[in-house]
Amino acid sequence: MDFRQLVRERASQRLLFLPHAVRQMSRPDRMISAEIVRKVLEDGEIIEDYPEDVRGRSCLILGKDDDGRPIHIVCAPKDEYLAIITAYIPDDAQWANDFRTRVKS
């Protein structure tokens, strides 16, 4: 099973939102719902892979909400769930216009 498929499978089992993700998602200037996270996980694309992450292999997924806002989700598949490490709206100053490429500082 490829990693993208594993992420989708674990997401279909259960999502576990880590405290950092909840804080980022609930910021008044963001307001990212669990429903939006599910949509991004289903429709989005992996733009960065972190095989050596200390939390276990994780990845950064780019997708869009219903209003077309770009959303980034960092997640890590576990045995029985998908851990949502963070979810945020990418900053124009840190990402190229396609929100797939980091801007060199």
PDB file of N, CA and C in Angstrom:
ATOM      1  N   MET A   1       0.848  -1.178   0.000  1.00  0.00           N
ATOM      2  CA  MET A   1       0.000   0.000   0.000  1.00  0.00           C
ATOM      3  C   MET A   1       0.895   1.244   0.000  1.00  0.00           C
ATOM      4  N   ASP A   2       0.597   2.201  -0.888  1.00  0.00           N
ATOM      5  CA  ASP A   2       1.414   3.404  -0.903  1.00  0.00           C
ATOM      6  C   ASP A   2       1.013   4.325   0.252  1.00  0.00           C
ATOM      7  N   PHE A   3       1.866   5.299   0.532  1.00  0.00           N
ATOM      8  CA  PHE A   3       1.673   6.140   1.717  1.00  0.00           C
ATOM      9  C   PHE A   3       0.386   6.953   1.629  1.00  0.00           C
ATOM     10  N   ARG A   4       0.060   7.476   0.447  1.00  0.00           N
ATOM     11  CA  ARG A   4      -1.170   8.269   0.266  1.00  0.00           C
ATOM     12  C   ARG A   4      -2.399   7.407   0.596  1.00  0.00           C
ATOM     13  N   GLN A   5      -2.375   6.184   0.128  1.00  0.00           N
ATOM     14  CA  GLN A   5      -3.476   5.256   0.385  1.00  0.00           C
ATOM     15  C   GLN A   5      -3.573   4.950   1.888  1.00  0.00           C
ATOM     16  N   LEU A   6      -2.432   4.794   2.549  1.00  0.00           N
ATOM     17  CA  LEU A   6      -2.413   4.535   3.991  1.00  0.00           C
ATOM     18  C   LEU A   6      -3.020   5.716   4.763  1.00  0.00           C
ATOM     19  N   VAL A   7      -2.665   6.929   4.363  1.00  0.00           N
ATOM     20  CA  VAL A   7      -3.224   8.127   5.007  1.00  0.00           C
ATOM     21  C   VAL A   7      -4.742   8.133   4.867  1.00  0.00           C
ATOM     22  N   ARG A   8      -5.239   7.885   3.669  1.00  0.00           N
ATOM     23  CA  ARG A   8      -6.699   7.875   3.446  1.00  0.00           C
ATOM     24  C   ARG A   8      -7.386   6.774   4.255  1.00  0.00           C
ATOM     25  N   GLU A   9      -6.759   5.606   4.294  1.00  0.00           N
ATOM     26  CA  GLU A   9      -7.355   4.492   5.036  1.00  0.00           C
ATOM     27  C   GLU A   9      -7.462   4.821   6.530  1.00  0.00           C
ATOM     28  N   ARG A  10      -6.370   5.343   7.102  1.00  0.00           N
ATOM     29  CA  ARG A  10      -6.404   5.692   8.530  1.00  0.00           C
ATOM     30  C   ARG A  10      -7.394   6.823   8.801  1.00  0.00           C
ATOM     31  N   ALA A  11      -7.493   7.769   7.872  1.00  0.00           N
ATOM     32  CA  ALA A  11      -8.459   8.867   8.025  1.00  0.00           C
ATOM     33  C   ALA A  11      -9.886   8.336   8.034  1.00  0.00           C
ATOM     34  N   SER A  12     -10.132   7.291   7.263  1.00  0.00           N
ATOM     35  CA  SER A  12     -11.484   6.723   7.227  1.00  0.00           C
ATOM     36  C   SER A  12     -11.799   5.958   8.512  1.00  0.00           C
ATOM     37  N   GLN A  13     -10.760   5.509   9.233  1.00  0.00           N
ATOM     38  CA  GLN A  13     -10.974   4.805  10.499  1.00  0.00           C
ATOM     39  C   GLN A  13     -11.319   5.793  11.604  1.00  0.00           C
ATOM     40  N   ARG A  14     -10.406   6.764  11.819  1.00  0.00           N
ATOM     41  CA  ARG A  14     -10.606   7.732  12.904  1.00  0.00           C
ATOM     42  C   ARG A  14      -9.568   8.835  12.779  1.00  0.00           C
ATOM     43  N   LEU A  15      -9.957  10.049  13.113  1.00  0.00           N
ATOM     44  CA  LEU A  15      -9.018  11.163  13.177  1.00  0.00           C
ATOM     45  C   LEU A  15      -8.779  11.497  14.641  1.00  0.00           C
ATOM     46  N   LEU A  16      -7.534  11.751  14.980  1.00  0.00           N
ATOM     47  CA  LEU A  16      -7.183  12.210  16.320  1.00  0.00           C
ATOM     48  C   LEU A  16      -6.505  13.567  16.158  1.00  0.00           C
ATOM     49  N   PHE A  17      -7.178  14.615  16.639  1.00  0.00           N
ATOM     50  CA  PHE A  17      -6.655  15.969  16.526  1.00  0.00           C
ATOM     51  C   PHE A  17      -5.764  16.252  17.735  1.00  0.00           C
ATOM     52  N   LEU A  18      -4.468  16.446  17.492  1.00  0.00           N
ATOM     53  CA  LEU A  18      -3.542  16.769  18.570  1.00  0.00           C
ATOM     54  C   LEU A  18      -3.785  18.199  19.045  1.00  0.00           C
ATOM     55  N   PRO A  19      -3.403  18.520  20.286  1.00  0.00           N
ATOM     56  CA  PRO A  19      -3.706  19.851  20.842  1.00  0.00           C
ATOM     57  C   PRO A  19      -3.231  21.012  19.961  1.00  0.00           C
ATOM     58  N   HIS A  20      -2.060  20.892  19.356  1.00  0.00           N
ATOM     59  CA  HIS A  20      -1.573  21.964  18.488  1.00  0.00           C
ATOM     60  C   HIS A  20      -2.524  22.186  17.313  1.00  0.00           C
ATOM     61  N   ALA A  21      -3.009  21.106  16.727  1.00  0.00           N
ATOM     62  CA  ALA A  21      -3.948  21.215  15.600  1.00  0.00           C
ATOM     63  C   ALA A  21      -5.220  21.927  16.041  1.00  0.00           C
ATOM     64  N   VAL A  22      -5.740  21.556  17.190  1.00  0.00           N
ATOM     65  CA  VAL A  22      -6.984  22.180  17.687  1.00  0.00           C
ATOM     66  C   VAL A  22      -6.768  23.679  17.883  1.00  0.00           C
ATOM     67  N   ARG A  23      -5.629  24.059  18.472  1.00  0.00           N
ATOM     68  CA  ARG A  23      -5.333  25.492  18.676  1.00  0.00           C
ATOM     69  C   ARG A  23      -5.256  26.229  17.346  1.00  0.00           C
ATOM     70  N   GLN A  24      -4.550  25.653  16.377  1.00  0.00           N
ATOM     71  CA  GLN A  24      -4.399  26.310  15.075  1.00  0.00           C
ATOM     72  C   GLN A  24      -5.733  26.397  14.329  1.00  0.00           C
ATOM     73  N   MET A  25      -6.503  25.343  14.371  1.00  0.00           N
ATOM     74  CA  MET A  25      -7.780  25.304  13.648  1.00  0.00           C
ATOM     75  C   MET A  25      -8.807  26.258  14.234  1.00  0.00           C
ATOM     76  N   SER A  26      -8.733  26.523  15.531  1.00  0.00           N
ATOM     77  CA  SER A  26      -9.763  27.336  16.183  1.00  0.00           C
ATOM     78  C   SER A  26      -9.401  28.818  16.278  1.00  0.00           C
ATOM     79  N   ARG A  27      -8.266  29.217  15.699  1.00  0.00           N
ATOM     80  CA  ARG A  27      -7.924  30.644  15.691  1.00  0.00           C
ATOM     81  C   ARG A  27      -8.994  31.399  14.913  1.00  0.00           C
ATOM     82  N   PRO A  28      -9.441  32.539  15.427  1.00  0.00           N
ATOM     83  CA  PRO A  28     -10.530  33.291  14.767  1.00  0.00           C
ATOM     84  C   PRO A  28     -10.244  33.644  13.304  1.00  0.00           C
ATOM     85  N   ASP A  29      -8.982  33.842  12.953  1.00  0.00           N
ATOM     86  CA  ASP A  29      -8.661  34.197  11.567  1.00  0.00           C
ATOM     87  C   ASP A  29      -8.577  32.971  10.662  1.00  0.00           C
ATOM     88  N   ARG A  30      -8.792  31.778  11.222  1.00  0.00           N
ATOM     89  CA  ARG A  30      -8.702  30.552  10.424  1.00  0.00           C
ATOM     90  C   ARG A  30     -10.002  29.770  10.414  1.00  0.00           C
ATOM     91  N   MET A  31     -10.441  29.355  11.572  1.00  0.00           N
ATOM     92  CA  MET A  31     -11.674  28.570  11.727  1.00  0.00           C
ATOM     93  C   MET A  31     -11.757  27.433  10.704  1.00  0.00           C
ATOM     94  N   ILE A  32     -10.929  26.448  10.906  1.00  0.00           N
ATOM     95  CA  ILE A  32     -10.899  25.262  10.039  1.00  0.00           C
ATOM     96  C   ILE A  32     -11.645  24.148  10.770  1.00  0.00           C
ATOM     97  N   SER A  33     -12.717  23.670  10.188  1.00  0.00           N
ATOM     98  CA  SER A  33     -13.538  22.642  10.829  1.00  0.00           C
ATOM     99  C   SER A  33     -12.995  21.243  10.557  1.00  0.00           C
ATOM    100  N   ALA A  34     -13.441  20.294  11.354  1.00  0.00           N
ATOM    101  CA  ALA A  34     -13.080  18.888  11.136  1.00  0.00           C
ATOM    102  C   ALA A  34     -13.579  18.431   9.765  1.00  0.00           C
ATOM    103  N   GLU A  35     -14.705  18.956   9.331  1.00  0.00           N
ATOM    104  CA  GLU A  35     -15.253  18.608   8.013  1.00  0.00           C
ATOM    105  C   GLU A  35     -14.301  19.065   6.892  1.00  0.00           C
ATOM    106  N   ILE A  36     -13.734  20.260   7.044  1.00  0.00           N
ATOM    107  CA  ILE A  36     -12.768  20.741   6.053  1.00  0.00           C
ATOM    108  C   ILE A  36     -11.526  19.856   6.058  1.00  0.00           C
ATOM    109  N   VAL A  37     -11.062  19.480   7.238  1.00  0.00           N
ATOM    110  CA  VAL A  37      -9.897  18.595   7.336  1.00  0.00           C
ATOM    111  C   VAL A  37     -10.180  17.292   6.589  1.00  0.00           C
ATOM    112  N   ARG A  38     -11.348  16.708   6.804  1.00  0.00           N
ATOM    113  CA  ARG A  38     -11.701  15.464   6.102  1.00  0.00           C
ATOM    114  C   ARG A  38     -11.693  15.653   4.589  1.00  0.00           C
ATOM    115  N   LYS A  39     -12.224  16.773   4.111  1.00  0.00           N
ATOM    116  CA  LYS A  39     -12.255  17.058   2.671  1.00  0.00           C
ATOM    117  C   LYS A  39     -10.841  17.163   2.115  1.00  0.00           C
ATOM    118  N   VAL A  40      -9.967  17.898   2.814  1.00  0.00           N
ATOM    119  CA  VAL A  40      -8.581  18.044   2.357  1.00  0.00           C
ATOM    120  C   VAL A  40      -7.869  16.695   2.348  1.00  0.00           C
ATOM    121  N   LEU A  41      -8.096  15.891   3.373  1.00  0.00           N
ATOM    122  CA  LEU A  41      -7.463  14.564   3.419  1.00  0.00           C
ATOM    123  C   LEU A  41      -7.923  13.695   2.258  1.00  0.00           C
ATOM    124  N   GLU A  42      -9.165  13.813   1.890  1.00  0.00           N
ATOM    125  CA  GLU A  42      -9.709  12.999   0.803  1.00  0.00           C
ATOM    126  C   GLU A  42      -9.263  13.500  -0.574  1.00  0.00           C
ATOM    127  N   ASP A  43      -9.306  14.820  -0.769  1.00  0.00           N
ATOM    128  CA  ASP A  43      -9.086  15.387  -2.101  1.00  0.00           C
ATOM    129  C   ASP A  43      -7.694  15.971  -2.317  1.00  0.00           C
ATOM    130  N   GLY A  44      -6.972  16.244  -1.236  1.00  0.00           N
ATOM    131  CA  GLY A  44      -5.701  16.954  -1.350  1.00  0.00           C
ATOM    132  C   GLY A  44      -4.562  16.075  -1.840  1.00  0.00           C
ATOM    133  N   GLU A  45      -3.397  16.713  -1.961  1.00  0.00           N
ATOM    134  CA  GLU A  45      -2.208  16.000  -2.433  1.00  0.00           C
ATOM    135  C   GLU A  45      -1.077  16.159  -1.427  1.00  0.00           C
ATOM    136  N   ILE A  46      -0.274  15.114  -1.310  1.00  0.00           N
ATOM    137  CA  ILE A  46       0.904  15.186  -0.451  1.00  0.00           C
ATOM    138  C   ILE A  46       1.948  16.035  -1.170  1.00  0.00           C
ATOM    139  N   ILE A  47       2.383  17.120  -0.494  1.00  0.00           N
ATOM    140  CA  ILE A  47       3.395  17.983  -1.109  1.00  0.00           C
ATOM    141  C   ILE A  47       4.751  17.859  -0.421  1.00  0.00           C
ATOM    142  N   GLU A  48       4.773  17.333   0.792  1.00  0.00           N
ATOM    143  CA  GLU A  48       6.032  17.043   1.478  1.00  0.00           C
ATOM    144  C   GLU A  48       5.855  15.758   2.271  1.00  0.00           C
ATOM    145  N   ASP A  49       6.904  14.946   2.278  1.00  0.00           N
ATOM    146  CA  ASP A  49       6.898  13.671   2.997  1.00  0.00           C
ATOM    147  C   ASP A  49       8.002  13.746   4.041  1.00  0.00           C
ATOM    148  N   TYR A  50       7.701  13.349   5.263  1.00  0.00           N
ATOM    149  CA  TYR A  50       8.668  13.397   6.353  1.00  0.00           C
ATOM    150  C   TYR A  50       8.890  11.985   6.905  1.00  0.00           C
ATOM    151  N   PRO A  51       9.654  11.154   6.194  1.00  0.00           N
ATOM    152  CA  PRO A  51       9.833   9.758   6.623  1.00  0.00           C
ATOM    153  C   PRO A  51      10.595   9.612   7.939  1.00  0.00           C
ATOM    154  N   GLU A  52      11.388  10.608   8.305  1.00  0.00           N
ATOM    155  CA  GLU A  52      12.206  10.521   9.513  1.00  0.00           C
ATOM    156  C   GLU A  52      11.620  11.288  10.696  1.00  0.00           C
ATOM    157  N   ASP A  53      10.367  11.704  10.610  1.00  0.00           N
ATOM    158  CA  ASP A  53       9.733  12.473  11.689  1.00  0.00           C
ATOM    159  C   ASP A  53       9.800  11.685  12.999  1.00  0.00           C
ATOM    160  N   VAL A  54      10.156  12.354  14.094  1.00  0.00           N
ATOM    161  CA  VAL A  54      10.274  11.675  15.393  1.00  0.00           C
ATOM    162  C   VAL A  54       8.938  11.115  15.870  1.00  0.00           C
ATOM    163  N   ARG A  55       7.826  11.668  15.375  1.00  0.00           N
ATOM    164  CA  ARG A  55       6.487  11.173  15.747  1.00  0.00           C
ATOM    165  C   ARG A  55       6.083   9.976  14.896  1.00  0.00           C
ATOM    166  N   GLY A  56       6.947   9.570  13.985  1.00  0.00           N
ATOM    167  CA  GLY A  56       6.606   8.547  13.003  1.00  0.00           C
ATOM    168  C   GLY A  56       6.401   9.230  11.668  1.00  0.00           C
ATOM    169  N   ARG A  57       6.474   8.487  10.606  1.00  0.00           N
ATOM    170  CA  ARG A  57       6.366   9.082   9.273  1.00  0.00           C
ATOM    171  C   ARG A  57       5.120   9.951   9.179  1.00  0.00           C
ATOM    172  N   SER A  58       5.308  11.148   8.653  1.00  0.00           N
ATOM    173  CA  SER A  58       4.192  12.071   8.493  1.00  0.00           C
ATOM    174  C   SER A  58       4.319  12.758   7.140  1.00  0.00           C
ATOM    175  N   CYS A  59       3.341  13.592   6.829  1.00  0.00           N
ATOM    176  CA  CYS A  59       3.367  14.293   5.553  1.00  0.00           C
ATOM    177  C   CYS A  59       2.581  15.592   5.654  1.00  0.00           C
ATOM    178  N   LEU A  60       2.824  16.459   4.674  1.00  0.00           N
ATOM    179  CA  LEU A  60       2.087  17.713   4.537  1.00  0.00           C
ATOM    180  C   LEU A  60       1.181  17.582   3.330  1.00  0.00           C
ATOM    181  N   ILE A  61      -0.096  17.804   3.550  1.00  0.00           N
ATOM    182  CA  ILE A  61      -1.094  17.694   2.486  1.00  0.00           C
ATOM    183  C   ILE A  61      -1.652  19.075   2.181  1.00  0.00           C
ATOM    184  N   LEU A  62      -1.769  19.395   0.902  1.00  0.00           N
ATOM    185  CA  LEU A  62      -2.377  20.639   0.445  1.00  0.00           C
ATOM    186  C   LEU A  62      -3.733  20.333  -0.160  1.00  0.00           C
ATOM    187  N   GLY A  63      -4.722  21.096   0.251  1.00  0.00           N
ATOM    188  CA  GLY A  63      -6.047  21.003  -0.332  1.00  0.00           C
ATOM    189  C   GLY A  63      -6.732  22.347  -0.227  1.00  0.00           C
ATOM    190  N   LYS A  64      -7.996  22.389  -0.587  1.00  0.00           N
ATOM    191  CA  LYS A  64      -8.765  23.640  -0.522  1.00  0.00           C
ATOM    192  C   LYS A  64     -10.087  23.385   0.178  1.00  0.00           C
ATOM    193  N   ASP A  65     -10.570  24.431   0.863  1.00  0.00           N
ATOM    194  CA  ASP A  65     -11.889  24.314   1.470  1.00  0.00           C
ATOM    195  C   ASP A  65     -12.943  24.697   0.430  1.00  0.00           C
ATOM    196  N   ASP A  66     -14.196  24.719   0.823  1.00  0.00           N
ATOM    197  CA  ASP A  66     -15.285  25.001  -0.117  1.00  0.00           C
ATOM    198  C   ASP A  66     -15.221  26.406  -0.706  1.00  0.00           C
ATOM    199  N   ASP A  67     -14.537  27.320  -0.011  1.00  0.00           N
ATOM    200  CA  ASP A  67     -14.390  28.697  -0.499  1.00  0.00           C
ATOM    201  C   ASP A  67     -13.129  28.879  -1.334  1.00  0.00           C
ATOM    202  N   GLY A  68     -12.370  27.801  -1.540  1.00  0.00           N
ATOM    203  CA  GLY A  68     -11.157  27.874  -2.328  1.00  0.00           C
ATOM    204  C   GLY A  68      -9.920  28.282  -1.540  1.00  0.00           C
ATOM    205  N   ARG A  69     -10.053  28.417  -0.208  1.00  0.00           N
ATOM    206  CA  ARG A  69      -8.878  28.751   0.615  1.00  0.00           C
ATOM    207  C   ARG A  69      -7.923  27.569   0.624  1.00  0.00           C
ATOM    208  N   PRO A  70      -6.617  27.814   0.436  1.00  0.00           N
ATOM    209  CA  PRO A  70      -5.662  26.715   0.559  1.00  0.00           C
ATOM    210  C   PRO A  70      -5.545  26.307   2.028  1.00  0.00           C
ATOM    211  N   ILE A  71      -5.449  25.025   2.265  1.00  0.00           N
ATOM    212  CA  ILE A  71      -5.315  24.475   3.613  1.00  0.00           C
ATOM    213  C   ILE A  71      -4.147  23.494   3.603  1.00  0.00           C
ATOM    214  N   HIS A  72      -3.282  23.605   4.596  1.00  0.00           N
ATOM    215  CA  HIS A  72      -2.207  22.635   4.803  1.00  0.00           C
ATOM    216  C   HIS A  72      -2.544  21.803   6.027  1.00  0.00           C
ATOM    217  N   ILE A  73      -2.331  20.503   5.920  1.00  0.00           N
ATOM    218  CA  ILE A  73      -2.515  19.588   7.048  1.00  0.00           C
ATOM    219  C   ILE A  73      -1.261  18.730   7.175  1.00  0.00           C
ATOM    220  N   VAL A  74      -0.713  18.689   8.384  1.00  0.00           N
ATOM    221  CA  VAL A  74       0.379  17.762   8.676  1.00  0.00           C
ATOM    222  C   VAL A  74      -0.241  16.622   9.470  1.00  0.00           C
ATOM    223  N   CYS A  75      -0.037  15.393   8.991  1.00  0.00           N
ATOM    224  CA  CYS A  75      -0.668  14.243   9.631  1.00  0.00           C
ATOM    225  C   CYS A  75       0.273  13.048   9.613  1.00  0.00           C
ATOM    226  N   ALA A  76      -0.038  12.102  10.496  1.00  0.00           N
ATOM    227  CA  ALA A  76       0.781  10.890  10.615  1.00  0.00           C
ATOM    228  C   ALA A  76      -0.141   9.690  10.822  1.00  0.00           C
ATOM    229  N   PRO A  77      -0.094   8.709   9.919  1.00  0.00           N
ATOM    230  CA  PRO A  77      -0.906   7.511  10.113  1.00  0.00           C
ATOM    231  C   PRO A  77      -0.352   6.644  11.243  1.00  0.00           C
ATOM    232  N   LYS A  78      -1.245   6.199  12.097  1.00  0.00           N
ATOM    233  CA  LYS A  78      -0.909   5.286  13.189  1.00  0.00           C
ATOM    234  C   LYS A  78      -1.656   3.978  12.926  1.00  0.00           C
ATOM    235  N   ASP A  79      -1.567   3.024  13.851  1.00  0.00           N
ATOM    236  CA  ASP A  79      -2.187   1.718  13.619  1.00  0.00           C
ATOM    237  C   ASP A  79      -3.695   1.789  13.413  1.00  0.00           C
ATOM    238  N   GLU A  80      -4.384   2.609  14.211  1.00  0.00           N
ATOM    239  CA  GLU A  80      -5.850   2.596  14.160  1.00  0.00           C
ATOM    240  C   GLU A  80      -6.467   3.962  13.903  1.00  0.00           C
ATOM    241  N   TYR A  81      -5.649   4.957  13.572  1.00  0.00           N
ATOM    242  CA  TYR A  81      -6.177   6.309  13.348  1.00  0.00           C
ATOM    243  C   TYR A  81      -5.159   7.145  12.578  1.00  0.00           C
ATOM    244  N   LEU A  82      -5.597   8.339  12.171  1.00  0.00           N
ATOM    245  CA  LEU A  82      -4.709   9.311  11.552  1.00  0.00           C
ATOM    246  C   LEU A  82      -4.550  10.469  12.532  1.00  0.00           C
ATOM    247  N   ALA A  83      -3.318  10.721  12.958  1.00  0.00           N
ATOM    248  CA  ALA A  83      -3.043  11.834  13.870  1.00  0.00           C
ATOM    249  C   ALA A  83      -2.950  13.116  13.049  1.00  0.00           C
ATOM    250  N   ILE A  84      -3.749  14.103  13.415  1.00  0.00           N
ATOM    251  CA  ILE A  84      -3.688  15.421  12.786  1.00  0.00           C
ATOM    252  C   ILE A  84      -2.774  16.272  13.663  1.00  0.00           C
ATOM    253  N   ILE A  85      -1.574  16.522  13.172  1.00  0.00           N
ATOM    254  CA  ILE A  85      -0.573  17.245  13.945  1.00  0.00           C
ATOM    255  C   ILE A  85      -0.857  18.742  13.915  1.00  0.00           C
ATOM    256  N   THR A  86      -1.179  19.267  12.748  1.00  0.00           N
ATOM    257  CA  THR A  86      -1.601  20.656  12.628  1.00  0.00           C
ATOM    258  C   THR A  86      -2.389  20.837  11.338  1.00  0.00           C
ATOM    259  N   ALA A  87      -3.153  21.919  11.298  1.00  0.00           N
ATOM    260  CA  ALA A  87      -3.906  22.304  10.108  1.00  0.00           C
ATOM    261  C   ALA A  87      -3.938  23.825  10.102  1.00  0.00           C
ATOM    262  N   TYR A  88      -3.610  24.422   8.961  1.00  0.00           N
ATOM    263  CA  TYR A  88      -3.506  25.880   8.914  1.00  0.00           C
ATOM    264  C   TYR A  88      -3.675  26.390   7.487  1.00  0.00           C
ATOM    265  N   ILE A  89      -3.879  27.689   7.379  1.00  0.00           N
ATOM    266  CA  ILE A  89      -3.895  28.367   6.091  1.00  0.00           C
ATOM    267  C   ILE A  89      -2.457  28.828   5.845  1.00  0.00           C
ATOM    268  N   PRO A  90      -1.833  28.384   4.753  1.00  0.00           N
ATOM    269  CA  PRO A  90      -0.435  28.747   4.524  1.00  0.00           C
ATOM    270  C   PRO A  90      -0.254  30.254   4.328  1.00  0.00           C
ATOM    271  N   ASP A  91       0.854  30.757   4.838  1.00  0.00           N
ATOM    272  CA  ASP A  91       1.202  32.170   4.777  1.00  0.00           C
ATOM    273  C   ASP A  91       1.842  32.487   3.430  1.00  0.00           C
ATOM    274  N   ASP A  92       1.330  33.524   2.757  1.00  0.00           N
ATOM    275  CA  ASP A  92       1.881  33.945   1.453  1.00  0.00           C
ATOM    276  C   ASP A  92       3.375  34.241   1.521  1.00  0.00           C
ATOM    277  N   ALA A  93       3.852  34.708   2.668  1.00  0.00           N
ATOM    278  CA  ALA A  93       5.262  35.072   2.809  1.00  0.00           C
ATOM    279  C   ALA A  93       6.167  33.838   2.879  1.00  0.00           C
ATOM    280  N   GLN A  94       5.600  32.689   3.224  1.00  0.00           N
ATOM    281  CA  GLN A  94       6.402  31.476   3.377  1.00  0.00           C
ATOM    282  C   GLN A  94       6.236  30.481   2.234  1.00  0.00           C
ATOM    283  N   TRP A  95       5.221  30.703   1.392  1.00  0.00           N
ATOM    284  CA  TRP A  95       4.915  29.749   0.331  1.00  0.00           C
ATOM    285  C   TRP A  95       4.763  30.459  -1.011  1.00  0.00           C
ATOM    286  N   ALA A  96       5.167  29.791  -2.084  1.00  0.00           N
ATOM    287  CA  ALA A  96       4.970  30.305  -3.438  1.00  0.00           C
ATOM    288  C   ALA A  96       3.467  30.361  -3.727  1.00  0.00           C
ATOM    289  N   ASN A  97       3.100  30.987  -4.829  1.00  0.00           N
ATOM    290  CA  ASN A  97       1.685  31.181  -5.174  1.00  0.00           C
ATOM    291  C   ASN A  97       0.879  29.894  -5.251  1.00  0.00           C
ATOM    292  N   ASP A  98       1.540  28.776  -5.556  1.00  0.00           N
ATOM    293  CA  ASP A  98       0.818  27.503  -5.654  1.00  0.00           C
ATOM    294  C   ASP A  98       0.672  26.808  -4.296  1.00  0.00           C
ATOM    295  N   PHE A  99       1.292  27.372  -3.250  1.00  0.00           N
ATOM    296  CA  PHE A  99       1.271  26.840  -1.884  1.00  0.00           C
ATOM    297  C   PHE A  99       1.861  25.437  -1.774  1.00  0.00           C
ATOM    298  N   ARG A 100       2.645  25.037  -2.794  1.00  0.00           N
ATOM    299  CA  ARG A 100       3.320  23.732  -2.803  1.00  0.00           C
ATOM    300  C   ARG A 100       4.817  23.868  -2.512  1.00  0.00           C
ATOM    301  N   THR A 101       5.351  25.052  -2.734  1.00  0.00           N
ATOM    302  CA  THR A 101       6.788  25.270  -2.652  1.00  0.00           C
ATOM    303  C   THR A 101       7.100  26.330  -1.604  1.00  0.00           C
ATOM    304  N   ARG A 102       8.005  25.992  -0.706  1.00  0.00           N
ATOM    305  CA  ARG A 102       8.419  26.961   0.315  1.00  0.00           C
ATOM    306  C   ARG A 102       9.272  28.051  -0.325  1.00  0.00           C
ATOM    307  N   VAL A 103       9.075  29.272   0.148  1.00  0.00           N
ATOM    308  CA  VAL A 103       9.875  30.405  -0.306  1.00  0.00           C
ATOM    309  C   VAL A 103      11.181  30.386   0.469  1.00  0.00           C
ATOM    310  N   LYS A 104      12.282  30.512  -0.236  1.00  0.00           N
ATOM    311  CA  LYS A 104      13.591  30.558   0.415  1.00  0.00           C
ATOM    312  C   LYS A 104      13.764  31.910   1.088  1.00  0.00           C
ATOM    313  N   SER A 105      14.212  31.882   2.356  1.00  0.00           N
ATOM    314  CA  SER A 105      14.385  33.151   3.064  1.00  0.00           C
ATOM    315  C   SER A 105      15.822  33.604   3.061  1.00  0.00           C
TER     316      SER A 105
END
